[in-house]
Amino acid sequence: MELGNVSQPPYGPGPEAPGSSTPGLVGMAHGFLQLVQPHGLPVAGGLVGWRLPASCCLSFFLSQLLHYELGFLVCVAIGLLFIILVPLVGCCFCCCRC
């Protein structure tokens, strides 16, 4: 087995996505992910590998991280809101019966 050049491996475009029997669901999932996280991973800001360059301050790094994860944070906040509100409203409808 030949390893080739280990220090500088050649990278290709990667594997192709497998075919699916449900292209509508795949399209919806990709659309949701594109809506939730439209921004790419900030490479220059030190996010890759969690190493901060000497010229980068911590607040700038955290602002880039929050900007990158903003869509997921909004989805989590809406989910927690529904987890709290739905049982509370159901309890009010069940107990009060106005």
Protein backbone atom coordinates (compact mmCIF):
# COMPACT_ATOMS: atom_id res chain seq x y z
CA MET A 1 0.00 0.00 0.00
CA GLU A 2 1.44 3.33 -1.05
CA LEU A 3 0.69 6.36 1.11
CA GLY A 4 1.84 9.04 -1.29
CA ASN A 5 2.82 12.46 -0.01
CA VAL A 6 1.73 12.45 3.65
CA SER A 7 2.88 15.98 4.49
CA GLN A 8 0.97 17.56 1.54
CA PRO A 9 -2.04 15.33 0.78
CA PRO A 10 -4.01 16.12 -2.39
CA TYR A 11 -7.57 17.16 -1.60
CA GLY A 12 -10.34 16.66 -4.13
CA PRO A 13 -13.87 18.02 -4.28
CA GLY A 14 -15.05 15.26 -1.92
CA PRO A 15 -17.70 12.58 -2.28
CA GLU A 16 -20.92 13.34 -4.05
CA ALA A 17 -24.19 13.39 -2.18
CA PRO A 18 -26.02 10.06 -2.40
CA GLY A 19 -29.17 9.87 -4.43
CA SER A 20 -32.37 10.00 -2.45
CA SER A 21 -35.85 8.60 -2.91
CA THR A 22 -37.28 11.70 -1.22
CA PRO A 23 -35.81 14.74 -2.98
CA GLY A 24 -38.49 17.00 -1.52
CA LEU A 25 -37.45 16.27 2.06
CA VAL A 26 -33.78 16.64 1.18
CA GLY A 27 -34.53 20.00 -0.43
CA MET A 28 -36.48 21.13 2.64
CA ALA A 29 -33.67 20.10 4.98
CA HIS A 30 -31.06 21.90 2.89
CA GLY A 31 -33.29 24.97 2.66
CA PHE A 32 -33.75 25.01 6.44
CA LEU A 33 -30.01 24.68 7.05
CA GLN A 34 -29.29 27.45 4.55
CA LEU A 35 -31.87 29.64 6.31
CA VAL A 36 -30.57 28.90 9.80
CA GLN A 37 -26.85 29.17 9.05
CA PRO A 38 -26.28 31.19 5.86
CA HIS A 39 -22.80 32.42 6.82
CA GLY A 40 -19.66 30.41 6.25
CA LEU A 41 -17.22 29.41 8.94
CA PRO A 42 -15.00 32.44 9.70
CA VAL A 43 -11.51 31.14 9.00
CA ALA A 44 -9.56 34.38 9.47
CA GLY A 45 -11.05 35.09 12.89
CA GLY A 46 -9.43 32.18 14.65
CA LEU A 47 -12.53 30.00 14.85
CA VAL A 48 -10.92 27.04 13.12
CA GLY A 49 -8.97 25.03 15.66
CA TRP A 50 -10.04 27.38 18.50
CA ARG A 51 -6.71 29.24 18.36
CA LEU A 52 -6.76 32.99 18.70
CA PRO A 53 -4.17 34.95 16.74
CA ALA A 54 -2.16 37.50 18.72
CA SER A 55 -3.78 40.41 16.87
CA CYS A 56 -7.33 39.21 17.52
CA CYS A 57 -9.12 40.19 20.72
CA LEU A 58 -11.55 37.95 22.55
CA SER A 59 -14.62 40.13 22.01
CA PHE A 60 -14.13 40.12 18.23
CA PHE A 61 -13.78 36.33 18.31
CA LEU A 62 -16.96 35.95 20.37
CA SER A 63 -18.88 38.30 18.08
CA GLN A 64 -17.87 36.22 15.06
CA LEU A 65 -18.83 33.03 16.88
CA LEU A 66 -22.26 34.42 17.82
CA HIS A 67 -22.78 35.71 14.28
CA TYR A 68 -21.94 32.25 12.94
CA GLU A 69 -24.29 30.44 15.36
CA LEU A 70 -27.06 33.06 15.45
CA GLY A 71 -29.59 30.98 13.51
CA PHE A 72 -29.22 27.98 15.79
CA LEU A 73 -29.48 30.20 18.87
CA VAL A 74 -32.76 31.67 17.57
CA CYS A 75 -34.13 28.16 16.90
CA VAL A 76 -33.18 27.05 20.42
CA ALA A 77 -34.85 30.14 21.94
CA ILE A 78 -38.07 29.52 19.98
CA GLY A 79 -38.01 25.85 20.98
CA LEU A 80 -37.59 26.66 24.66
CA LEU A 81 -40.39 29.21 24.41
CA PHE A 82 -42.74 26.59 22.96
CA ILE A 83 -41.66 24.01 25.57
CA ILE A 84 -42.66 26.44 28.31
CA LEU A 85 -45.73 28.10 26.73
CA VAL A 86 -47.59 25.09 25.28
CA PRO A 87 -48.03 23.23 28.61
CA LEU A 88 -48.83 26.51 30.39
CA VAL A 89 -51.57 27.45 27.91
CA GLY A 90 -52.91 23.88 27.97
CA CYS A 91 -53.05 23.98 31.75
CA CYS A 92 -54.90 27.30 31.66
CA PHE A 93 -57.45 25.96 29.15
CA CYS A 94 -57.88 22.76 31.14
CA CYS A 95 -58.16 24.30 34.61
CA CYS A 96 -59.93 27.60 33.90
CA ARG A 97 -62.47 26.47 31.25
CA CYS A 98 -63.67 30.02 30.74
